[in-house]
Amino acid sequence: MAEIDVPMGAISGGTGSYTILYTDSYGGTGSGTHYALGQKAGGVVTVTVRDASGCTTETRVTIGAYEELEAANATVTTTGALSCVSLVPVQVSVWAVSGLPLTIGDLRFAMGATALNNAPKHLD
């Protein structure tokens, strides 16, 4: 699922409080600081911000096609017992749902609100 987050602190100008509205190219709508587009083909989401006086501004966000990653299509294996005090090699294998090629560049990682500090690495 592709997601759009608009923090209230990123909005300035206008009068009073703001309302954030979303409309996607499939007819889906939403409001708030978060919107999720569940279309693997991607699409266009119009983000409209309305202030307390009814004034609006909008922008369009184009979301490219993406490959769905499902837990059923991933396996995680280790070469030893997991430990909190020593490193244990871990292998993650992923299969694309559609059968399309899936490259490391296609994978995006997030843990809560903090992005990972390093890129994924292939361990031989």
N, C-alpha and C. Protein backbone atom coordinates (compact mmCIF):
# COMPACT_ATOMS: atom_id res chain seq x y z
N MET A 1 0.85 -1.16 0.00
CA MET A 1 0.00 0.00 0.00
C MET A 1 0.90 1.24 0.00
N ALA A 2 0.63 2.18 -0.86
CA ALA A 2 1.37 3.44 -0.90
C ALA A 2 0.70 4.41 0.08
N GLU A 3 1.50 5.15 0.82
CA GLU A 3 0.95 6.04 1.84
C GLU A 3 1.47 7.46 1.69
N ILE A 4 0.60 8.42 2.02
CA ILE A 4 0.96 9.84 2.01
C ILE A 4 0.74 10.36 3.42
N ASP A 5 1.73 11.03 3.97
CA ASP A 5 1.61 11.66 5.29
C ASP A 5 1.85 13.15 5.13
N VAL A 6 0.96 13.96 5.65
CA VAL A 6 1.09 15.42 5.62
C VAL A 6 1.06 15.91 7.07
N PRO A 7 2.22 16.19 7.66
CA PRO A 7 2.22 16.69 9.04
C PRO A 7 1.60 18.09 9.11
N MET A 8 0.78 18.33 10.11
CA MET A 8 0.16 19.65 10.26
C MET A 8 1.22 20.75 10.34
N GLY A 9 2.38 20.47 10.90
CA GLY A 9 3.45 21.45 11.00
C GLY A 9 4.02 21.86 9.65
N ALA A 10 3.73 21.09 8.61
CA ALA A 10 4.24 21.41 7.27
C ALA A 10 3.34 22.41 6.55
N ILE A 11 2.19 22.74 7.14
CA ILE A 11 1.24 23.65 6.52
C ILE A 11 1.35 25.01 7.19
N SER A 12 1.42 26.06 6.37
CA SER A 12 1.49 27.41 6.94
C SER A 12 0.61 28.35 6.10
N GLY A 13 0.32 29.52 6.68
CA GLY A 13 -0.52 30.49 6.00
C GLY A 13 -1.98 30.20 6.27
N GLY A 14 -2.85 30.97 5.65
CA GLY A 14 -4.27 30.75 5.84
C GLY A 14 -4.75 31.23 7.20
N THR A 15 -5.97 30.84 7.52
CA THR A 15 -6.60 31.29 8.75
C THR A 15 -7.05 30.10 9.58
N GLY A 16 -6.71 30.11 10.86
CA GLY A 16 -7.22 29.09 11.79
C GLY A 16 -6.73 27.69 11.50
N SER A 17 -7.59 26.70 11.78
CA SER A 17 -7.22 25.30 11.62
C SER A 17 -7.35 24.85 10.17
N TYR A 18 -6.76 23.72 9.87
CA TYR A 18 -6.75 23.21 8.51
C TYR A 18 -7.47 21.87 8.43
N THR A 19 -8.04 21.60 7.27
CA THR A 19 -8.59 20.29 6.94
C THR A 19 -7.85 19.80 5.71
N ILE A 20 -7.38 18.55 5.76
CA ILE A 20 -6.67 17.97 4.62
C ILE A 20 -7.58 16.91 4.01
N LEU A 21 -7.82 17.04 2.70
CA LEU A 21 -8.69 16.12 1.97
C LEU A 21 -7.90 15.46 0.85
N TYR A 22 -8.22 14.20 0.57
CA TYR A 22 -7.54 13.44 -0.48
C TYR A 22 -8.58 12.88 -1.44
N THR A 23 -8.26 12.92 -2.73
CA THR A 23 -9.08 12.28 -3.76
C THR A 23 -8.12 11.57 -4.70
N ASP A 24 -8.32 10.27 -4.89
CA ASP A 24 -7.41 9.56 -5.80
C ASP A 24 -8.07 9.33 -7.16
N SER A 25 -7.27 8.91 -8.12
CA SER A 25 -7.74 8.74 -9.50
C SER A 25 -8.70 7.57 -9.67
N TYR A 26 -8.96 6.82 -8.61
CA TYR A 26 -9.91 5.71 -8.65
C TYR A 26 -11.23 6.10 -7.99
N GLY A 27 -11.34 7.36 -7.53
CA GLY A 27 -12.56 7.81 -6.87
C GLY A 27 -12.53 7.69 -5.36
N GLY A 28 -11.44 7.17 -4.82
CA GLY A 28 -11.31 7.06 -3.37
C GLY A 28 -11.09 8.43 -2.73
N THR A 29 -11.58 8.61 -1.52
CA THR A 29 -11.41 9.87 -0.81
C THR A 29 -11.01 9.60 0.63
N GLY A 30 -10.49 10.62 1.27
CA GLY A 30 -10.13 10.52 2.67
C GLY A 30 -9.82 11.89 3.23
N SER A 31 -9.57 11.93 4.53
CA SER A 31 -9.21 13.18 5.17
C SER A 31 -8.28 12.89 6.34
N GLY A 32 -7.61 13.92 6.83
CA GLY A 32 -6.67 13.75 7.93
C GLY A 32 -5.24 13.90 7.46
N THR A 33 -4.31 13.53 8.31
CA THR A 33 -2.89 13.70 7.96
C THR A 33 -2.30 12.50 7.25
N HIS A 34 -3.09 11.45 7.06
CA HIS A 34 -2.58 10.21 6.46
C HIS A 34 -3.58 9.68 5.42
N TYR A 35 -3.05 9.22 4.27
CA TYR A 35 -3.90 8.61 3.25
C TYR A 35 -3.16 7.41 2.66
N ALA A 36 -3.86 6.32 2.44
CA ALA A 36 -3.26 5.12 1.86
C ALA A 36 -3.95 4.79 0.54
N LEU A 37 -3.15 4.57 -0.50
CA LEU A 37 -3.66 4.17 -1.81
C LEU A 37 -3.36 2.69 -1.98
N GLY A 38 -4.39 1.88 -2.06
CA GLY A 38 -4.21 0.43 -2.15
C GLY A 38 -4.20 -0.11 -3.56
N GLN A 39 -3.83 0.68 -4.53
CA GLN A 39 -3.80 0.26 -5.93
C GLN A 39 -2.36 0.03 -6.37
N LYS A 40 -1.99 -1.24 -6.63
CA LYS A 40 -0.62 -1.55 -7.03
C LYS A 40 -0.22 -0.87 -8.34
N ALA A 41 -1.21 -0.50 -9.16
CA ALA A 41 -0.91 0.16 -10.43
C ALA A 41 -0.50 1.61 -10.22
N GLY A 42 -0.57 2.09 -8.97
CA GLY A 42 -0.26 3.49 -8.69
C GLY A 42 -1.43 4.37 -9.06
N GLY A 43 -1.21 5.65 -9.15
CA GLY A 43 -2.26 6.58 -9.50
C GLY A 43 -1.91 7.99 -9.07
N VAL A 44 -2.87 8.88 -9.19
CA VAL A 44 -2.68 10.28 -8.82
C VAL A 44 -3.59 10.57 -7.63
N VAL A 45 -3.02 11.20 -6.61
CA VAL A 45 -3.81 11.62 -5.45
C VAL A 45 -3.75 13.14 -5.38
N THR A 46 -4.93 13.75 -5.36
CA THR A 46 -5.01 15.20 -5.19
C THR A 46 -5.15 15.47 -3.70
N VAL A 47 -4.23 16.29 -3.17
CA VAL A 47 -4.24 16.66 -1.76
C VAL A 47 -4.71 18.11 -1.68
N THR A 48 -5.83 18.33 -1.01
CA THR A 48 -6.40 19.67 -0.87
C THR A 48 -6.36 20.07 0.59
N VAL A 49 -5.84 21.27 0.86
CA VAL A 49 -5.83 21.81 2.22
C VAL A 49 -6.80 22.98 2.26
N ARG A 50 -7.73 22.92 3.22
CA ARG A 50 -8.74 23.97 3.39
C ARG A 50 -8.53 24.59 4.78
N ASP A 51 -8.51 25.94 4.82
CA ASP A 51 -8.37 26.61 6.12
C ASP A 51 -9.75 26.92 6.70
N ALA A 52 -9.77 27.54 7.89
CA ALA A 52 -11.03 27.82 8.59
C ALA A 52 -11.92 28.79 7.82
N SER A 53 -11.35 29.59 6.91
CA SER A 53 -12.14 30.54 6.11
C SER A 53 -12.68 29.92 4.83
N GLY A 54 -12.32 28.66 4.58
CA GLY A 54 -12.78 27.99 3.36
C GLY A 54 -11.85 28.15 2.18
N CYS A 55 -10.73 28.83 2.36
CA CYS A 55 -9.75 28.98 1.27
C CYS A 55 -9.02 27.65 1.10
N THR A 56 -8.72 27.30 -0.16
CA THR A 56 -8.08 26.02 -0.43
C THR A 56 -6.85 26.18 -1.31
N THR A 57 -5.98 25.22 -1.20
CA THR A 57 -4.87 25.05 -2.12
C THR A 57 -4.73 23.55 -2.33
N GLU A 58 -4.18 23.15 -3.46
CA GLU A 58 -4.05 21.72 -3.70
C GLU A 58 -2.78 21.40 -4.47
N THR A 59 -2.38 20.16 -4.36
CA THR A 59 -1.26 19.64 -5.13
C THR A 59 -1.60 18.21 -5.51
N ARG A 60 -0.97 17.73 -6.55
CA ARG A 60 -1.19 16.35 -6.99
C ARG A 60 0.09 15.56 -6.75
N VAL A 61 -0.10 14.36 -6.23
CA VAL A 61 1.01 13.46 -5.97
C VAL A 61 0.83 12.25 -6.88
N THR A 62 1.83 11.98 -7.72
CA THR A 62 1.78 10.82 -8.60
C THR A 62 2.52 9.67 -7.92
N ILE A 63 1.81 8.56 -7.76
CA ILE A 63 2.39 7.37 -7.15
C ILE A 63 2.59 6.34 -8.25
N GLY A 64 3.82 5.94 -8.48
CA GLY A 64 4.11 4.97 -9.52
C GLY A 64 3.65 3.58 -9.13
N ALA A 65 3.58 2.70 -10.11
CA ALA A 65 3.22 1.30 -9.84
C ALA A 65 4.24 0.71 -8.87
N TYR A 66 3.76 -0.16 -8.01
CA TYR A 66 4.64 -0.79 -7.04
C TYR A 66 4.28 -2.25 -6.89
N GLU A 67 5.20 -3.02 -6.39
CA GLU A 67 5.00 -4.45 -6.19
C GLU A 67 4.54 -4.68 -4.76
N GLU A 68 3.48 -5.43 -4.62
CA GLU A 68 2.96 -5.76 -3.31
C GLU A 68 3.86 -6.80 -2.65
N LEU A 69 4.11 -6.61 -1.39
CA LEU A 69 4.92 -7.55 -0.63
C LEU A 69 4.06 -8.12 0.48
N GLU A 70 3.79 -9.41 0.40
CA GLU A 70 2.95 -10.07 1.39
C GLU A 70 3.79 -11.01 2.24
N ALA A 71 3.42 -11.13 3.50
CA ALA A 71 4.15 -12.00 4.41
C ALA A 71 4.20 -13.44 3.90
N ALA A 72 3.15 -13.87 3.21
CA ALA A 72 3.12 -15.24 2.69
C ALA A 72 4.19 -15.47 1.63
N ASN A 73 4.72 -14.39 1.06
CA ASN A 73 5.73 -14.51 0.01
C ASN A 73 7.13 -14.19 0.51
N ALA A 74 7.33 -14.25 1.81
CA ALA A 74 8.65 -13.97 2.37
C ALA A 74 8.99 -15.02 3.41
N THR A 75 10.25 -15.39 3.45
CA THR A 75 10.73 -16.29 4.50
C THR A 75 11.94 -15.67 5.16
N VAL A 76 12.11 -15.95 6.43
CA VAL A 76 13.26 -15.47 7.18
C VAL A 76 13.92 -16.69 7.81
N THR A 77 15.21 -16.86 7.56
CA THR A 77 15.94 -17.98 8.16
C THR A 77 17.20 -17.45 8.84
N THR A 78 17.63 -18.17 9.85
CA THR A 78 18.88 -17.83 10.54
C THR A 78 19.81 -19.03 10.48
N THR A 79 21.10 -18.79 10.64
CA THR A 79 22.07 -19.88 10.61
C THR A 79 22.45 -20.32 12.02
N GLY A 80 21.83 -19.76 13.01
CA GLY A 80 22.12 -20.13 14.40
C GLY A 80 21.01 -19.63 15.29
N ALA A 81 21.17 -19.89 16.58
CA ALA A 81 20.16 -19.44 17.54
C ALA A 81 20.22 -17.93 17.68
N LEU A 82 19.05 -17.30 17.73
CA LEU A 82 19.01 -15.85 17.90
C LEU A 82 19.53 -15.47 19.28
N SER A 83 20.23 -14.36 19.33
CA SER A 83 20.86 -13.93 20.58
C SER A 83 20.79 -12.42 20.69
N CYS A 84 20.63 -11.93 21.90
CA CYS A 84 20.63 -10.49 22.13
C CYS A 84 22.03 -9.94 22.31
N VAL A 85 23.02 -10.83 22.44
CA VAL A 85 24.38 -10.37 22.73
C VAL A 85 25.37 -10.62 21.61
N SER A 86 25.01 -11.39 20.60
CA SER A 86 25.94 -11.61 19.50
C SER A 86 25.19 -11.58 18.17
N LEU A 87 25.91 -11.24 17.11
CA LEU A 87 25.32 -11.15 15.79
C LEU A 87 25.04 -12.54 15.23
N VAL A 88 23.90 -12.71 14.60
CA VAL A 88 23.54 -13.96 13.96
C VAL A 88 23.12 -13.63 12.53
N PRO A 89 23.73 -14.27 11.53
CA PRO A 89 23.32 -14.01 10.15
C PRO A 89 21.85 -14.36 9.93
N VAL A 90 21.16 -13.48 9.23
CA VAL A 90 19.74 -13.67 8.91
C VAL A 90 19.58 -13.51 7.41
N GLN A 91 18.83 -14.43 6.80
CA GLN A 91 18.55 -14.34 5.37
C GLN A 91 17.05 -14.11 5.18
N VAL A 92 16.71 -13.10 4.36
CA VAL A 92 15.32 -12.82 4.03
C VAL A 92 15.15 -13.09 2.55
N SER A 93 14.20 -13.95 2.19
CA SER A 93 13.90 -14.25 0.79
C SER A 93 12.51 -13.73 0.49
N VAL A 94 12.38 -13.03 -0.65
CA VAL A 94 11.10 -12.41 -1.01
C VAL A 94 10.75 -12.80 -2.44
N TRP A 95 9.47 -13.13 -2.65
CA TRP A 95 8.96 -13.41 -3.98
C TRP A 95 7.92 -12.37 -4.33
N ALA A 96 7.99 -11.84 -5.53
CA ALA A 96 7.02 -10.85 -5.98
C ALA A 96 5.66 -11.51 -6.17
N VAL A 97 4.59 -10.84 -5.73
CA VAL A 97 3.24 -11.37 -5.83
C VAL A 97 2.85 -11.59 -7.28
N SER A 98 3.18 -10.62 -8.16
CA SER A 98 2.75 -10.70 -9.55
C SER A 98 3.69 -11.53 -10.41
N GLY A 99 4.82 -11.92 -9.88
CA GLY A 99 5.80 -12.63 -10.67
C GLY A 99 6.74 -11.70 -11.42
N LEU A 100 6.51 -10.36 -11.30
CA LEU A 100 7.41 -9.40 -11.93
C LEU A 100 8.75 -9.40 -11.22
N PRO A 101 9.82 -9.01 -11.91
CA PRO A 101 11.12 -8.95 -11.24
C PRO A 101 11.07 -8.00 -10.04
N LEU A 102 11.65 -8.40 -8.94
CA LEU A 102 11.69 -7.60 -7.73
C LEU A 102 13.16 -7.37 -7.38
N THR A 103 13.58 -6.12 -7.42
CA THR A 103 14.97 -5.81 -7.12
C THR A 103 15.08 -5.13 -5.76
N ILE A 104 16.28 -5.09 -5.23
CA ILE A 104 16.48 -4.46 -3.93
C ILE A 104 16.07 -3.00 -3.98
N GLY A 105 16.17 -2.36 -5.14
CA GLY A 105 15.75 -0.98 -5.27
C GLY A 105 14.24 -0.81 -5.17
N ASP A 106 13.48 -1.90 -5.37
CA ASP A 106 12.03 -1.83 -5.26
C ASP A 106 11.54 -1.88 -3.82
N LEU A 107 12.40 -2.32 -2.92
CA LEU A 107 11.99 -2.47 -1.53
C LEU A 107 12.19 -1.17 -0.78
N ARG A 108 11.21 -0.81 0.02
CA ARG A 108 11.30 0.39 0.86
C ARG A 108 11.13 -0.05 2.30
N PHE A 109 11.91 0.51 3.18
CA PHE A 109 11.88 0.10 4.57
C PHE A 109 11.46 1.25 5.47
N ALA A 110 10.69 0.96 6.49
CA ALA A 110 10.36 1.95 7.51
C ALA A 110 10.09 1.22 8.81
N MET A 111 10.51 1.81 9.89
CA MET A 111 10.25 1.26 11.21
C MET A 111 9.65 2.40 12.02
N GLY A 112 8.33 2.36 12.20
CA GLY A 112 7.67 3.46 12.87
C GLY A 112 7.85 4.72 12.05
N ALA A 113 8.30 5.78 12.68
CA ALA A 113 8.51 7.05 11.98
C ALA A 113 9.98 7.25 11.64
N THR A 114 10.83 6.25 11.90
CA THR A 114 12.26 6.40 11.70
C THR A 114 12.74 5.51 10.57
N ALA A 115 13.36 6.11 9.56
CA ALA A 115 13.90 5.33 8.45
C ALA A 115 15.18 4.63 8.90
N LEU A 116 15.49 3.52 8.26
CA LEU A 116 16.74 2.82 8.57
C LEU A 116 17.94 3.67 8.21
N ASN A 117 19.03 3.49 8.93
CA ASN A 117 20.23 4.29 8.70
C ASN A 117 21.10 3.77 7.58
N ASN A 118 20.94 2.51 7.21
CA ASN A 118 21.80 1.95 6.17
C ASN A 118 20.98 1.18 5.15
N ALA A 119 21.54 1.05 3.98
CA ALA A 119 20.86 0.32 2.91
C ALA A 119 20.95 -1.17 3.17
N PRO A 120 20.00 -1.95 2.63
CA PRO A 120 20.07 -3.40 2.78
C PRO A 120 21.34 -3.94 2.11
N LYS A 121 21.87 -4.98 2.67
CA LYS A 121 23.09 -5.57 2.13
C LYS A 121 22.87 -7.06 1.86
N HIS A 122 23.52 -7.56 0.85
CA HIS A 122 23.45 -8.98 0.54
C HIS A 122 24.62 -9.66 1.24
N LEU A 123 24.34 -10.64 2.07
CA LEU A 123 25.39 -11.37 2.78
C LEU A 123 25.56 -12.71 2.12
N ASP A 124 26.78 -13.03 1.74
CA ASP A 124 27.05 -14.35 1.13
C ASP A 124 27.46 -15.34 2.18
